[in-house]
C-alpha atoms as a PDB file:
ATOM      1  CA  UNK A   1      19.274 -18.442   7.407  1.00  0.00           C
ATOM      2  CA  UNK A   2      16.181 -16.252   7.352  1.00  0.00           C
ATOM      3  CA  UNK A   3      13.200 -18.461   8.048  1.00  0.00           C
ATOM      4  CA  UNK A   4       9.641 -17.847   7.223  1.00  0.00           C
ATOM      5  CA  UNK A   5       8.929 -17.686  10.981  1.00  0.00           C
ATOM      6  CA  UNK A   6      11.459 -14.893  11.357  1.00  0.00           C
ATOM      7  CA  UNK A   7       9.898 -12.956   8.434  1.00  0.00           C
ATOM      8  CA  UNK A   8       6.358 -13.549   9.766  1.00  0.00           C
ATOM      9  CA  UNK A   9       7.418 -12.435  13.277  1.00  0.00           C
ATOM     10  CA  UNK A  10       8.705  -9.135  11.835  1.00  0.00           C
ATOM     11  CA  UNK A  11       5.442  -8.459  10.050  1.00  0.00           C
ATOM     12  CA  UNK A  12       3.475  -9.056  13.288  1.00  0.00           C
ATOM     13  CA  UNK A  13       5.736  -6.615  15.206  1.00  0.00           C
ATOM     14  CA  UNK A  14       5.382  -4.064  12.444  1.00  0.00           C
ATOM     15  CA  UNK A  15       1.711  -4.324  12.619  1.00  0.00           C
ATOM     16  CA  UNK A  16       1.724  -3.643  16.385  1.00  0.00           C
ATOM     17  CA  UNK A  17       4.147  -0.723  15.986  1.00  0.00           C
ATOM     18  CA  UNK A  18       2.173   0.901  13.124  1.00  0.00           C
ATOM     19  CA  UNK A  19      -1.158   0.554  14.903  1.00  0.00           C
ATOM     20  CA  UNK A  20       0.222   2.154  18.146  1.00  0.00           C
ATOM     21  CA  UNK A  21       1.647   5.064  16.259  1.00  0.00           C
ATOM     22  CA  UNK A  22      -1.558   5.681  14.214  1.00  0.00           C
ATOM     23  CA  UNK A  23      -3.683   5.574  17.343  1.00  0.00           C
ATOM     24  CA  UNK A  24      -1.511   8.184  18.834  1.00  0.00           C
ATOM     25  CA  UNK A  25      -1.769  10.328  15.738  1.00  0.00           C
ATOM     26  CA  UNK A  26      -5.495   9.992  15.590  1.00  0.00           C
ATOM     27  CA  UNK A  27      -5.942  11.157  19.187  1.00  0.00           C
ATOM     28  CA  UNK A  28      -9.564   9.644  19.301  1.00  0.00           C
ATOM     29  CA  UNK A  29     -10.131   6.095  18.245  1.00  0.00           C
ATOM     30  CA  UNK A  30      -8.311   2.821  18.558  1.00  0.00           C
ATOM     31  CA  UNK A  31      -8.110  -0.226  16.246  1.00  0.00           C
ATOM     32  CA  UNK A  32     -10.476  -3.030  16.614  1.00  0.00           C
ATOM     33  CA  UNK A  33      -8.992  -6.545  16.118  1.00  0.00           C
ATOM     34  CA  UNK A  34     -10.280  -9.671  14.567  1.00  0.00           C
ATOM     35  CA  UNK A  35      -8.321 -12.923  14.476  1.00  0.00           C
ATOM     36  CA  UNK A  36      -9.386 -15.150  11.567  1.00  0.00           C
ATOM     37  CA  UNK A  37      -8.616 -18.523  10.161  1.00  0.00           C
ATOM     38  CA  UNK A  38      -8.267 -19.497   6.511  1.00  0.00           C
ATOM     39  CA  UNK A  39     -10.067 -22.647   5.665  1.00  0.00           C
ATOM     40  CA  UNK A  40      -7.332 -23.769   3.315  1.00  0.00           C
ATOM     41  CA  UNK A  41      -4.608 -23.165   5.897  1.00  0.00           C
ATOM     42  CA  UNK A  42      -3.354 -20.399   8.074  1.00  0.00           C
ATOM     43  CA  UNK A  43      -4.994 -17.145   9.103  1.00  0.00           C
ATOM     44  CA  UNK A  44      -4.257 -13.653  10.205  1.00  0.00           C
ATOM     45  CA  UNK A  45      -5.144 -10.571  12.266  1.00  0.00           C
ATOM     46  CA  UNK A  46      -7.197  -7.833  10.770  1.00  0.00           C
ATOM     47  CA  UNK A  47      -7.119  -4.392  12.546  1.00  0.00           C
ATOM     48  CA  UNK A  48      -9.418  -1.636  11.564  1.00  0.00           C
ATOM     49  CA  UNK A  49      -9.964   1.960  12.718  1.00  0.00           C
ATOM     50  CA  UNK A  50     -12.985   3.980  11.724  1.00  0.00           C
ATOM     51  CA  UNK A  51     -14.463   7.386  12.366  1.00  0.00           C
ATOM     52  CA  UNK A  52     -11.440   8.751  14.204  1.00  0.00           C
ATOM     53  CA  UNK A  53     -10.363  12.446  14.419  1.00  0.00           C
ATOM     54  CA  UNK A  54      -7.790  12.011  11.718  1.00  0.00           C
ATOM     55  CA  UNK A  55      -8.558   8.700  10.135  1.00  0.00           C
ATOM     56  CA  UNK A  56     -11.968   8.085   8.567  1.00  0.00           C
ATOM     57  CA  UNK A  57     -11.155   4.417   7.813  1.00  0.00           C
ATOM     58  CA  UNK A  58      -7.877   2.561   7.972  1.00  0.00           C
ATOM     59  CA  UNK A  59      -6.733  -1.129   8.036  1.00  0.00           C
ATOM     60  CA  UNK A  60      -3.509  -2.684   9.064  1.00  0.00           C
ATOM     61  CA  UNK A  61      -3.621  -6.345   8.281  1.00  0.00           C
ATOM     62  CA  UNK A  62      -1.287  -9.204   9.005  1.00  0.00           C
ATOM     63  CA  UNK A  63      -1.550 -12.729   7.412  1.00  0.00           C
ATOM     64  CA  UNK A  64       0.336 -15.934   7.299  1.00  0.00           C
ATOM     65  CA  UNK A  65      -1.352 -18.465   5.012  1.00  0.00           C
ATOM     66  CA  UNK A  66      -0.461 -21.761   3.455  1.00  0.00           C
ATOM     67  CA  UNK A  67      -2.001 -24.536   1.366  1.00  0.00           C
ATOM     68  CA  UNK A  68      -2.362 -25.347  -2.328  1.00  0.00           C
ATOM     69  CA  UNK A  69      -2.555 -22.761  -5.088  1.00  0.00           C
ATOM     70  CA  UNK A  70      -5.448 -22.723  -7.555  1.00  0.00           C
ATOM     71  CA  UNK A  71      -4.374 -23.956 -10.947  1.00  0.00           C
ATOM     72  CA  UNK A  72      -4.627 -20.525 -12.599  1.00  0.00           C
ATOM     73  CA  UNK A  73      -2.193 -18.985 -10.188  1.00  0.00           C
ATOM     74  CA  UNK A  74       0.009 -22.119 -10.220  1.00  0.00           C
ATOM     75  CA  UNK A  75       0.291 -21.769 -14.014  1.00  0.00           C
ATOM     76  CA  UNK A  76       0.822 -17.995 -13.873  1.00  0.00           C
ATOM     77  CA  UNK A  77       3.772 -18.416 -11.545  1.00  0.00           C
ATOM     78  CA  UNK A  78       5.074 -21.392 -13.598  1.00  0.00           C
ATOM     79  CA  UNK A  79       5.056 -23.727 -10.618  1.00  0.00           C
ATOM     80  CA  UNK A  80       4.897 -27.566 -10.841  1.00  0.00           C
ATOM     81  CA  UNK A  81       3.887 -28.060  -7.202  1.00  0.00           C
ATOM     82  CA  UNK A  82       0.851 -26.281  -5.774  1.00  0.00           C
ATOM     83  CA  UNK A  83       2.075 -25.881  -2.187  1.00  0.00           C
ATOM     84  CA  UNK A  84       2.759 -22.423  -0.926  1.00  0.00           C
ATOM     85  CA  UNK A  85       3.355 -20.255   2.117  1.00  0.00           C
ATOM     86  CA  UNK A  86       2.680 -16.503   2.135  1.00  0.00           C
ATOM     87  CA  UNK A  87       2.973 -13.926   4.923  1.00  0.00           C
ATOM     88  CA  UNK A  88       2.786 -10.169   4.872  1.00  0.00           C
ATOM     89  CA  UNK A  89       1.318  -6.898   6.052  1.00  0.00           C
ATOM     90  CA  UNK A  90      -1.035  -4.561   4.231  1.00  0.00           C
ATOM     91  CA  UNK A  91      -1.755  -0.980   5.288  1.00  0.00           C
ATOM     92  CA  UNK A  92      -4.302   1.468   3.944  1.00  0.00           C
ATOM     93  CA  UNK A  93      -5.327   4.738   5.552  1.00  0.00           C
ATOM     94  CA  UNK A  94      -8.177   6.945   4.254  1.00  0.00           C
ATOM     95  CA  UNK A  95      -8.016  10.245   6.243  1.00  0.00           C
ATOM     96  CA  UNK A  96     -10.907  12.609   7.280  1.00  0.00           C
ATOM     97  CA  UNK A  97      -9.190  15.763   6.001  1.00  0.00           C
ATOM     98  CA  UNK A  98      -8.781  15.974   2.175  1.00  0.00           C
ATOM     99  CA  UNK A  99      -5.408  17.766   2.752  1.00  0.00           C
ATOM    100  CA  UNK A 100      -4.049  14.595   4.330  1.00  0.00           C
ATOM    101  CA  UNK A 101      -3.156  12.041   1.560  1.00  0.00           C
ATOM    102  CA  UNK A 102      -4.297   8.479   1.314  1.00  0.00           C
ATOM    103  CA  UNK A 103      -1.386   6.109   1.976  1.00  0.00           C
ATOM    104  CA  UNK A 104      -1.009   2.375   1.031  1.00  0.00           C
ATOM    105  CA  UNK A 105       1.843   0.009   1.838  1.00  0.00           C
ATOM    106  CA  UNK A 106       2.211  -3.722   1.365  1.00  0.00           C
ATOM    107  CA  UNK A 107       5.097  -5.970   2.232  1.00  0.00           C
ATOM    108  CA  UNK A 108       4.957  -9.707   1.625  1.00  0.00           C
ATOM    109  CA  UNK A 109       6.983 -12.948   1.423  1.00  0.00           C
ATOM    110  CA  UNK A 110       6.097 -15.988  -0.612  1.00  0.00           C
ATOM    111  CA  UNK A 111       7.693 -19.412  -0.792  1.00  0.00           C
ATOM    112  CA  UNK A 112       6.776 -22.563  -2.640  1.00  0.00           C
ATOM    113  CA  UNK A 113       7.194 -26.368  -2.100  1.00  0.00           C
ATOM    114  CA  UNK A 114       9.695 -26.255  -4.903  1.00  0.00           C
ATOM    115  CA  UNK A 115      12.081 -24.242  -2.864  1.00  0.00           C
ATOM    116  CA  UNK A 116      11.483 -20.915  -4.603  1.00  0.00           C
ATOM    117  CA  UNK A 117      10.972 -17.726  -2.463  1.00  0.00           C
ATOM    118  CA  UNK A 118      10.730 -14.028  -3.054  1.00  0.00           C
ATOM    119  CA  UNK A 119       9.823 -10.747  -1.440  1.00  0.00           C
ATOM    120  CA  UNK A 120       7.368  -8.095  -2.820  1.00  0.00           C
ATOM    121  CA  UNK A 121       5.688  -4.997  -1.872  1.00  0.00           C
ATOM    122  CA  UNK A 122       6.064  -1.306  -1.792  1.00  0.00           C
ATOM    123  CA  UNK A 123       4.609   1.957  -0.535  1.00  0.00           C
ATOM    124  CA  UNK A 124       2.627   4.657  -2.483  1.00  0.00           C
ATOM    125  CA  UNK A 125       0.872   7.884  -1.767  1.00  0.00           C
ATOM    126  CA  UNK A 126      -2.494   9.195  -3.297  1.00  0.00           C
ATOM    127  CA  UNK A 127      -2.987  12.844  -2.398  1.00  0.00           C
ATOM    128  CA  UNK A 128      -6.478  14.283  -3.021  1.00  0.00           C
ATOM    129  CA  UNK A 129      -4.579  17.574  -3.712  1.00  0.00           C
ATOM    130  CA  UNK A 130      -0.998  17.197  -4.906  1.00  0.00           C
ATOM    131  CA  UNK A 131       1.315  19.540  -2.874  1.00  0.00           C
ATOM    132  CA  UNK A 132       4.681  19.504  -4.515  1.00  0.00           C
ATOM    133  CA  UNK A 133       6.601  19.950  -1.211  1.00  0.00           C
ATOM    134  CA  UNK A 134       4.837  16.797   0.279  1.00  0.00           C
ATOM    135  CA  UNK A 135       5.478  14.866  -2.952  1.00  0.00           C
ATOM    136  CA  UNK A 136       9.111  15.660  -2.809  1.00  0.00           C
ATOM    137  CA  UNK A 137       9.322  14.735   0.959  1.00  0.00           C
ATOM    138  CA  UNK A 138       7.680  11.408   0.250  1.00  0.00           C
ATOM    139  CA  UNK A 139       9.930  10.421  -2.578  1.00  0.00           C
ATOM    140  CA  UNK A 140      13.115  11.716  -1.065  1.00  0.00           C
ATOM    141  CA  UNK A 141      12.494   9.598   2.005  1.00  0.00           C
ATOM    142  CA  UNK A 142      11.933   6.513  -0.031  1.00  0.00           C
ATOM    143  CA  UNK A 143      15.017   7.184  -2.136  1.00  0.00           C
ATOM    144  CA  UNK A 144      17.050   7.680   0.993  1.00  0.00           C
ATOM    145  CA  UNK A 145      15.976   4.252   2.262  1.00  0.00           C
ATOM    146  CA  UNK A 146      16.534   2.611  -1.114  1.00  0.00           C
ATOM    147  CA  UNK A 147      20.037   4.128  -1.669  1.00  0.00           C
ATOM    148  CA  UNK A 148      21.104   2.798   1.711  1.00  0.00           C
ATOM    149  CA  UNK A 149      20.641  -0.713   0.357  1.00  0.00           C
ATOM    150  CA  UNK A 150      21.114  -0.417  -3.399  1.00  0.00           C
ATOM    151  CA  UNK A 151      21.306   2.755  -5.468  1.00  0.00           C
ATOM    152  CA  UNK A 152      19.540   0.986  -8.369  1.00  0.00           C
ATOM    153  CA  UNK A 153      16.506   0.363  -6.376  1.00  0.00           C
ATOM    154  CA  UNK A 154      14.801   3.681  -6.260  1.00  0.00           C
ATOM    155  CA  UNK A 155      14.847   4.505 -10.045  1.00  0.00           C
ATOM    156  CA  UNK A 156      13.850   0.873 -10.898  1.00  0.00           C
ATOM    157  CA  UNK A 157      11.076   0.531  -8.253  1.00  0.00           C
ATOM    158  CA  UNK A 158       9.777   4.055  -8.815  1.00  0.00           C
ATOM    159  CA  UNK A 159       9.288   3.225 -12.456  1.00  0.00           C
ATOM    160  CA  UNK A 160       7.495   0.021 -11.480  1.00  0.00           C
ATOM    161  CA  UNK A 161       5.209   1.932  -9.134  1.00  0.00           C
ATOM    162  CA  UNK A 162       4.379   4.401 -11.967  1.00  0.00           C
ATOM    163  CA  UNK A 163       3.493   1.593 -14.269  1.00  0.00           C
ATOM    164  CA  UNK A 164       1.577  -0.468 -11.721  1.00  0.00           C
ATOM    165  CA  UNK A 165      -0.531   2.253 -10.031  1.00  0.00           C
ATOM    166  CA  UNK A 166      -1.941   3.367 -13.383  1.00  0.00           C
ATOM    167  CA  UNK A 167      -5.636   3.505 -14.391  1.00  0.00           C
ATOM    168  CA  UNK A 168      -5.595   2.843 -18.167  1.00  0.00           C
ATOM    169  CA  UNK A 169      -9.237   3.559 -18.612  1.00  0.00           C
ATOM    170  CA  UNK A 170      -8.730   7.082 -17.093  1.00  0.00           C
ATOM    171  CA  UNK A 171      -5.195   7.532 -18.540  1.00  0.00           C
ATOM    172  CA  UNK A 172      -3.963   8.756 -15.213  1.00  0.00           C
ATOM    173  CA  UNK A 173      -1.893   7.450 -12.246  1.00  0.00           C
ATOM    174  CA  UNK A 174      -3.703   6.573  -9.048  1.00  0.00           C
ATOM    175  CA  UNK A 175      -1.537   9.118  -7.145  1.00  0.00           C
ATOM    176  CA  UNK A 176       2.016  10.261  -7.121  1.00  0.00           C
ATOM    177  CA  UNK A 177       3.348   6.622  -6.921  1.00  0.00           C
ATOM    178  CA  UNK A 178       6.195   5.594  -4.680  1.00  0.00           C
ATOM    179  CA  UNK A 179       8.062   2.292  -5.026  1.00  0.00           C
ATOM    180  CA  UNK A 180       6.811  -1.138  -5.943  1.00  0.00           C
ATOM    181  CA  UNK A 181       8.725  -4.314  -6.350  1.00  0.00           C
ATOM    182  CA  UNK A 182       7.828  -7.938  -6.952  1.00  0.00           C
ATOM    183  CA  UNK A 183       9.761 -11.238  -7.087  1.00  0.00           C
ATOM    184  CA  UNK A 184      12.797  -9.701  -5.400  1.00  0.00           C
ATOM    185  CA  UNK A 185      15.026 -12.734  -5.152  1.00  0.00           C
ATOM    186  CA  UNK A 186      18.558 -13.692  -3.877  1.00  0.00           C
ATOM    187  CA  UNK A 187      21.285 -13.119  -6.564  1.00  0.00           C
ATOM    188  CA  UNK A 188      24.987 -13.470  -6.659  1.00  0.00           C
ATOM    189  CA  UNK A 189      25.391  -9.958  -5.294  1.00  0.00           C
ATOM    190  CA  UNK A 190      22.372  -9.755  -3.050  1.00  0.00           C
ATOM    191  CA  UNK A 191      21.571 -12.331  -0.317  1.00  0.00           C
ATOM    192  CA  UNK A 192      18.141 -13.088   1.099  1.00  0.00           C
ATOM    193  CA  UNK A 193      19.374 -11.452   4.314  1.00  0.00           C
ATOM    194  CA  UNK A 194      20.168  -8.222   2.266  1.00  0.00           C
ATOM    195  CA  UNK A 195      16.700  -8.254   0.728  1.00  0.00           C
ATOM    196  CA  UNK A 196      14.962  -8.804   4.122  1.00  0.00           C
ATOM    197  CA  UNK A 197      16.894  -5.946   5.597  1.00  0.00           C
ATOM    198  CA  UNK A 198      15.663  -3.734   2.736  1.00  0.00           C
ATOM    199  CA  UNK A 199      12.094  -4.915   3.293  1.00  0.00           C
ATOM    200  CA  UNK A 200      12.420  -4.125   7.079  1.00  0.00           C
ATOM    201  CA  UNK A 201      13.687  -0.645   6.289  1.00  0.00           C
ATOM    202  CA  UNK A 202      10.773   0.146   4.014  1.00  0.00           C
ATOM    203  CA  UNK A 203       8.327  -1.176   6.691  1.00  0.00           C
ATOM    204  CA  UNK A 204       9.996   0.908   9.443  1.00  0.00           C
ATOM    205  CA  UNK A 205       9.920   4.076   7.294  1.00  0.00           C
ATOM    206  CA  UNK A 206       6.064   4.061   7.238  1.00  0.00           C
ATOM    207  CA  UNK A 207       5.504   5.854  10.470  1.00  0.00           C
ATOM    208  CA  UNK A 208       8.232   8.590  10.166  1.00  0.00           C
ATOM    209  CA  UNK A 209       6.896   9.372   6.588  1.00  0.00           C
ATOM    210  CA  UNK A 210       3.219   9.324   7.160  1.00  0.00           C
ATOM    211  CA  UNK A 211       3.432  10.698  10.676  1.00  0.00           C
ATOM    212  CA  UNK A 212       5.021  13.818   9.174  1.00  0.00           C
ATOM    213  CA  UNK A 213       2.345  14.214   6.473  1.00  0.00           C
ATOM    214  CA  UNK A 214      -0.419  13.822   9.043  1.00  0.00           C
ATOM    215  CA  UNK A 215       1.018  16.302  11.439  1.00  0.00           C
ATOM    216  CA  UNK A 216       1.670  18.876   8.652  1.00  0.00           C
ATOM    217  CA  UNK A 217      -1.793  18.740   7.110  1.00  0.00           C
ATOM    218  CA  UNK A 218      -4.388  17.516   9.556  1.00  0.00           C
ATOM    219  CA  UNK A 219      -5.450  20.888  10.924  1.00  0.00           C
ATOM    220  CA  UNK A 220      -5.716  22.653   7.515  1.00  0.00           C
ATOM    221  CA  UNK A 221      -9.270  23.970   7.115  1.00  0.00           C
ATOM    222  CA  UNK A 222     -11.253  22.577   4.163  1.00  0.00           C
ATOM    223  CA  UNK A 223     -14.467  23.392   2.329  1.00  0.00           C
ATOM    224  CA  UNK A 224     -17.446  21.232   1.362  1.00  0.00           C
ATOM    225  CA  UNK A 225     -16.246  21.566  -2.246  1.00  0.00           C
ATOM    226  CA  UNK A 226     -12.882  20.070  -1.299  1.00  0.00           C
ATOM    227  CA  UNK A 227     -14.596  17.311   0.636  1.00  0.00           C
ATOM    228  CA  UNK A 228     -16.642  16.406  -2.509  1.00  0.00           C
ATOM    229  CA  UNK A 229     -13.382  16.324  -4.473  1.00  0.00           C
ATOM    230  CA  UNK A 230     -11.902  13.989  -1.942  1.00  0.00           C
ATOM    231  CA  UNK A 231     -14.827  11.649  -2.442  1.00  0.00           C
ATOM    232  CA  UNK A 232     -14.297  11.713  -6.237  1.00  0.00           C
ATOM    233  CA  UNK A 233     -10.613  10.880  -5.872  1.00  0.00           C
ATOM    234  CA  UNK A 234     -11.538   7.991  -3.548  1.00  0.00           C
ATOM    235  CA  UNK A 235     -13.747   6.769  -6.415  1.00  0.00           C
ATOM    236  CA  UNK A 236     -10.718   6.487  -8.675  1.00  0.00           C
ATOM    237  CA  UNK A 237      -8.986   4.562  -5.885  1.00  0.00           C
ATOM    238  CA  UNK A 238     -11.883   2.120  -5.759  1.00  0.00           C
ATOM    239  CA  UNK A 239     -11.682   1.661  -9.523  1.00  0.00           C
ATOM    240  CA  UNK A 240      -8.055   0.786  -9.496  1.00  0.00           C
ATOM    241  CA  UNK A 241      -8.349  -1.625  -6.569  1.00  0.00           C
ATOM    242  CA  UNK A 242     -11.344  -3.549  -7.987  1.00  0.00           C
ATOM    243  CA  UNK A 243     -10.207  -3.640 -11.587  1.00  0.00           C
ATOM    244  CA  UNK A 244      -6.404  -3.826 -11.538  1.00  0.00           C
ATOM    245  CA  UNK A 245      -4.953  -4.575  -8.145  1.00  0.00           C
ATOM    246  CA  UNK A 246      -3.170  -7.906  -8.044  1.00  0.00           C
ATOM    247  CA  UNK A 247      -3.439  -8.245  -4.363  1.00  0.00           C
ATOM    248  CA  UNK A 248      -7.133  -8.028  -4.485  1.00  0.00           C
ATOM    249  CA  UNK A 249      -7.261 -10.577  -7.307  1.00  0.00           C
ATOM    250  CA  UNK A 250      -4.906 -12.992  -5.419  1.00  0.00           C
ATOM    251  CA  UNK A 251      -7.013 -12.766  -2.392  1.00  0.00           C
ATOM    252  CA  UNK A 252     -10.219 -13.531  -4.225  1.00  0.00           C
ATOM    253  CA  UNK A 253      -8.623 -16.303  -6.294  1.00  0.00           C
ATOM    254  CA  UNK A 254      -7.252 -18.068  -3.162  1.00  0.00           C
ATOM    255  CA  UNK A 255     -10.592 -17.809  -1.250  1.00  0.00           C
ATOM    256  CA  UNK A 256      -9.174 -15.227   1.042  1.00  0.00           C
ATOM    257  CA  UNK A 257     -11.225 -13.488   3.746  1.00  0.00           C
ATOM    258  CA  UNK A 258     -13.393 -10.954   1.836  1.00  0.00           C
ATOM    259  CA  UNK A 259     -13.579  -8.354   4.656  1.00  0.00           C
ATOM    260  CA  UNK A 260      -9.782  -8.318   4.871  1.00  0.00           C
ATOM    261  CA  UNK A 261      -9.306  -8.153   1.132  1.00  0.00           C
ATOM    262  CA  UNK A 262     -11.790  -5.179   0.608  1.00  0.00           C
ATOM    263  CA  UNK A 263     -10.646  -3.338   3.769  1.00  0.00           C
ATOM    264  CA  UNK A 264      -8.679  -1.122   1.349  1.00  0.00           C
ATOM    265  CA  UNK A 265     -11.916   0.573   0.159  1.00  0.00           C
ATOM    266  CA  UNK A 266     -12.843   3.828   1.715  1.00  0.00           C
ATOM    267  CA  UNK A 267     -15.921   4.229   3.885  1.00  0.00           C
ATOM    268  CA  UNK A 268     -17.396   6.843   1.516  1.00  0.00           C
ATOM    269  CA  UNK A 269     -16.632   7.516  -2.149  1.00  0.00           C
ATOM    270  CA  UNK A 270     -18.387   9.268  -5.063  1.00  0.00           C
ATOM    271  CA  UNK A 271     -18.859   9.084  -8.801  1.00  0.00           C
ATOM    272  CA  UNK A 272     -20.241  12.136 -10.631  1.00  0.00           C
ATOM    273  CA  UNK A 273     -21.146  11.859 -14.296  1.00  0.00           C
ATOM    274  CA  UNK A 274     -18.601  13.584 -16.504  1.00  0.00           C
ATOM    275  CA  UNK A 275     -17.044  15.689 -13.710  1.00  0.00           C
ATOM    276  CA  UNK A 276     -14.775  18.428 -15.252  1.00  0.00           C
ATOM    277  CA  UNK A 277     -12.798  20.674 -12.755  1.00  0.00           C
ATOM    278  CA  UNK A 278     -12.771  24.433 -13.227  1.00  0.00           C
ATOM    279  CA  UNK A 279      -9.909  25.830 -15.333  1.00  0.00           C
ATOM    280  CA  UNK A 280      -6.761  26.582 -13.309  1.00  0.00           C
ATOM    281  CA  UNK A 281      -8.304  25.176 -10.116  1.00  0.00           C
ATOM    282  CA  UNK A 282      -6.406  23.116  -7.529  1.00  0.00           C
ATOM    283  CA  UNK A 283      -8.406  20.171  -8.734  1.00  0.00           C
ATOM    284  CA  UNK A 284      -7.427  20.674 -12.363  1.00  0.00           C
ATOM    285  CA  UNK A 285      -3.810  21.085 -11.382  1.00  0.00           C
ATOM    286  CA  UNK A 286      -3.839  17.873  -9.433  1.00  0.00           C
ATOM    287  CA  UNK A 287      -5.151  15.959 -12.505  1.00  0.00           C
ATOM    288  CA  UNK A 288      -2.424  17.494 -14.580  1.00  0.00           C
ATOM    289  CA  UNK A 289       0.183  15.937 -12.238  1.00  0.00           C
ATOM    290  CA  UNK A 290      -1.247  12.410 -12.276  1.00  0.00           C
ATOM    291  CA  UNK A 291       1.292  11.266 -14.882  1.00  0.00           C
ATOM    292  CA  UNK A 292       4.017   8.743 -15.092  1.00  0.00           C
ATOM    293  CA  UNK A 293       7.671   9.559 -15.040  1.00  0.00           C
ATOM    294  CA  UNK A 294       7.603  12.705 -12.940  1.00  0.00           C
ATOM    295  CA  UNK A 295      10.813  13.246 -10.996  1.00  0.00           C
ATOM    296  CA  UNK A 296       9.579  14.114  -7.488  1.00  0.00           C
ATOM    297  CA  UNK A 297      12.811  13.210  -5.619  1.00  0.00           C
ATOM    298  CA  UNK A 298      14.770  16.378  -6.660  1.00  0.00           C
END
């Protein structure tokens, strides 16, 4: 039987492994650590790196919390009893170089006093400039991991990511998507152990995937114009996280620790009034590719 303690222990180990690898990739700064307790039950460990050589701001957070759900969430999940336990890891990296993409990953486990439990999460990429070679690499790696567990996963979870990481008021996707899944539960054909192995594989793919993208792009020269474009794209990232992101809303609704909830926001971002990129510029070409349903894996 896969217990919540086993799941939580994996997320803790994954946090350690990812932080160590990112510190090595950054070559300058290390993560600071803050252990925190949640008033309603449980707590976590927030690790943040700032002003590094490669990473301008990044967070790798672990949490394991429990207690009673607010009534609005209880009703939304159609639960009769309010007791819950949730554990997970959340990763967000905002790089210095605009040629290195923003990456986000989240893996989580949730169980209730009613005996229900499920996994959720995913990984997605937000390039400031979309490079088709990098987009193909990212999606091919995710497809490979998915296919090793269930060939239906990648197309299904890729579509869910396209639909989820979408900014309706801009009519554009946040980036090039990735995979996203929620309420992944045991079925006749898939055990909880099978699902947990899939979740572990996604978590363990983070460093090989992002490490490659960092190494490939971190030393590419960039201009001040490209840096300003990076700030504008970060602004779109902020808009999504504050208006639509379910994780942000859940954290706020359950009286989560605000610093940990908002660690996903970049150190610097920008909003220019009615910015329109030059015709046929790399910026315009990137905007043209921020669409649902693009097949990046082939």
